[in-house]
Amino acid sequence: MSVNNDDREQLIDHIGAVQRTLGRLLAQQGPPTPLFDSNLTMRQLKVVLILSGQDLASGQDLATHLGVGLGTVTGIVDRLVARGLVARREDPHDRRIRRVELTPAGRALTEEITDAGLNEFRRLLQHLDTPTLRDLAAIMNKIQHAALTR
């Protein structure tokens, strides 16, 4: 069976629309999440999430990821330091560079945010039958593989 590019694009669009709808439904129907309770600005949240995926980042690294200037990053990091979510430390190889890392409180916040989303998703999955869960697991493995190898 051959699938043309228009069919693929329509399927991809449909999957994206379903994903957006599911995200909205889970956000509306689930309990309050740590994401909303955190009172972080979008840029502050981005910094915390960037740092959750790596141990340390320089201000320049963060500025590049956020698409902003170093001065803006300094202010964002200052506010996160004041909230106890990140800490600055000297780079052991170059004392001119200050690195930013999550504190235990910052790491706990990212875990709470991730766990809250995962818990809501797990509750939804409980409504699916076992064969559907097997199919979904196989598809999720393929999606993960595609993400890792792109």
Protein backbone atom coordinates (compact mmCIF):
# COMPACT_ATOMS: atom_id res chain seq x y z
CA MET A 1 0.00 0.00 0.00
CA SER A 2 1.43 3.31 -1.03
CA VAL A 3 0.80 6.53 0.87
CA ASN A 4 1.35 9.84 -0.88
CA ASN A 5 2.88 12.90 0.77
CA ASP A 6 -0.51 14.64 1.08
CA ASP A 7 -1.84 11.71 3.12
CA ARG A 8 1.26 11.80 5.34
CA GLU A 9 0.90 15.54 5.91
CA GLN A 10 -2.81 15.18 6.73
CA LEU A 11 -2.04 12.39 9.19
CA ILE A 12 0.73 14.43 10.82
CA ASP A 13 -1.62 17.44 11.06
CA HIS A 14 -4.33 15.25 12.60
CA ILE A 15 -1.93 13.75 15.15
CA GLY A 16 -0.76 17.25 16.08
CA ALA A 17 -4.36 18.43 16.53
CA VAL A 18 -5.18 15.41 18.72
CA GLN A 19 -2.07 16.06 20.80
CA ARG A 20 -3.05 19.71 21.34
CA THR A 21 -6.60 18.70 22.30
CA LEU A 22 -5.32 16.07 24.74
CA GLY A 23 -2.97 18.61 26.29
CA ARG A 24 -5.82 21.06 26.81
CA LEU A 25 -8.14 18.38 28.21
CA LEU A 26 -5.52 17.07 30.62
CA ALA A 27 -4.76 20.61 31.79
CA GLN A 28 -8.46 21.44 32.27
CA GLN A 29 -9.59 18.18 33.85
CA GLY A 30 -6.60 17.34 36.01
CA PRO A 31 -5.74 18.65 39.46
CA PRO A 32 -3.77 21.90 39.71
CA THR A 33 -0.24 21.32 38.51
CA PRO A 34 3.06 22.47 39.99
CA LEU A 35 3.62 24.26 36.69
CA PHE A 36 0.80 26.70 37.44
CA ASP A 37 1.60 26.88 41.13
CA SER A 38 5.25 27.78 40.47
CA ASN A 39 4.46 31.38 39.41
CA LEU A 40 7.47 31.35 37.10
CA THR A 41 7.58 33.50 34.00
CA MET A 42 7.87 31.65 30.71
CA ARG A 43 11.56 32.54 30.43
CA GLN A 44 12.27 31.47 34.00
CA LEU A 45 10.52 28.17 33.33
CA LYS A 46 12.55 27.69 30.15
CA VAL A 47 15.80 28.20 32.07
CA VAL A 48 14.75 25.68 34.72
CA LEU A 49 13.77 23.15 32.04
CA ILE A 50 16.98 23.71 30.05
CA LEU A 51 19.00 23.09 33.20
CA SER A 52 17.01 19.96 33.99
CA GLY A 53 18.40 18.43 30.80
CA GLN A 54 22.03 19.24 31.54
CA ASP A 55 24.14 19.65 34.65
CA LEU A 56 25.49 23.14 34.08
CA ALA A 57 25.08 25.97 31.59
CA SER A 58 26.85 29.26 31.11
CA GLY A 59 24.92 32.48 30.78
CA GLN A 60 25.88 32.54 27.11
CA ASP A 61 24.48 29.01 26.63
CA LEU A 62 21.20 30.09 28.20
CA ALA A 63 21.09 33.30 26.15
CA THR A 64 21.54 31.27 22.96
CA HIS A 65 18.78 28.81 23.94
CA LEU A 66 16.39 31.63 24.86
CA GLY A 67 17.29 33.91 21.96
CA VAL A 68 17.97 36.85 24.26
CA GLY A 69 20.96 38.89 25.36
CA LEU A 70 23.27 38.07 28.22
CA GLY A 71 21.90 40.99 30.28
CA THR A 72 18.40 39.54 30.08
CA VAL A 73 19.67 36.14 31.17
CA THR A 74 21.45 37.71 34.14
CA GLY A 75 18.15 39.17 35.38
CA ILE A 76 16.29 35.89 34.86
CA VAL A 77 18.97 33.93 36.70
CA ASP A 78 19.08 36.52 39.52
CA ARG A 79 15.37 36.01 40.13
CA LEU A 80 15.73 32.21 40.03
CA VAL A 81 18.65 32.40 42.48
CA ALA A 82 16.49 34.55 44.80
CA ARG A 83 13.78 31.86 44.67
CA GLY A 84 16.32 29.15 45.48
CA LEU A 85 15.79 27.26 42.22
CA VAL A 86 19.24 27.77 40.68
CA ALA A 87 22.73 28.55 41.89
CA ARG A 88 25.77 30.09 40.23
CA ARG A 89 29.25 28.70 40.55
CA GLU A 90 32.65 29.27 39.07
CA ASP A 91 33.72 27.13 36.14
CA PRO A 92 36.57 24.96 37.47
CA HIS A 93 38.43 25.29 34.14
CA ASP A 94 37.89 29.02 33.55
CA ARG A 95 37.24 31.23 36.56
CA ARG A 96 35.95 34.03 34.30
CA ILE A 97 32.89 31.91 33.47
CA ARG A 98 30.05 31.49 35.91
CA ARG A 99 27.93 28.38 35.43
CA VAL A 100 24.30 28.02 36.44
CA GLU A 101 22.86 24.81 37.86
CA LEU A 102 19.62 23.67 39.43
CA THR A 103 19.50 23.51 43.20
CA PRO A 104 17.79 20.55 44.86
CA ALA A 105 14.63 22.71 45.01
CA GLY A 106 14.88 23.44 41.28
CA ARG A 107 15.37 19.77 40.47
CA ALA A 108 12.40 18.87 42.71
CA LEU A 109 10.23 21.40 40.86
CA THR A 110 11.10 19.94 37.44
CA GLU A 111 10.38 16.44 38.73
CA GLU A 112 7.03 17.57 40.17
CA ILE A 113 6.05 19.18 36.86
CA THR A 114 7.05 16.11 34.87
CA ASP A 115 5.45 13.69 37.32
CA ALA A 116 2.16 15.65 37.35
CA GLY A 117 1.87 15.38 33.56
CA LEU A 118 2.85 11.73 33.60
CA ASN A 119 0.33 10.93 36.35
CA GLU A 120 -2.49 12.51 34.35
CA PHE A 121 -1.41 10.60 31.24
CA ARG A 122 -1.30 7.34 33.23
CA ARG A 123 -4.86 7.96 34.47
CA LEU A 124 -5.98 8.38 30.87
CA LEU A 125 -4.17 5.21 29.78
CA GLN A 126 -6.06 3.22 32.44
CA HIS A 127 -9.15 3.57 30.22
CA LEU A 128 -7.54 1.73 27.29
CA ASP A 129 -7.65 -2.03 26.78
CA THR A 130 -4.48 -4.12 26.86
CA PRO A 131 -4.14 -4.66 23.08
CA THR A 132 -4.44 -0.91 22.52
CA LEU A 133 -1.80 -0.29 25.19
CA ARG A 134 0.53 -2.77 23.44
CA ASP A 135 0.01 -0.98 20.12
CA LEU A 136 0.57 2.40 21.76
CA ALA A 137 3.74 1.17 23.48
CA ALA A 138 5.13 -0.02 20.13
CA ILE A 139 4.28 3.33 18.51
CA MET A 140 5.78 5.29 21.40
CA ASN A 141 9.00 3.26 21.05
CA LYS A 142 9.12 4.20 17.36
CA ILE A 143 8.54 7.87 18.17
CA GLN A 144 11.28 7.78 20.80
CA HIS A 145 13.66 6.12 18.34
CA ALA A 146 12.87 8.79 15.72
CA ALA A 147 13.52 11.54 18.27
CA LEU A 148 16.85 10.02 19.29
CA THR A 149 18.10 9.44 15.75
CA ARG A 150 16.93 12.55 13.90
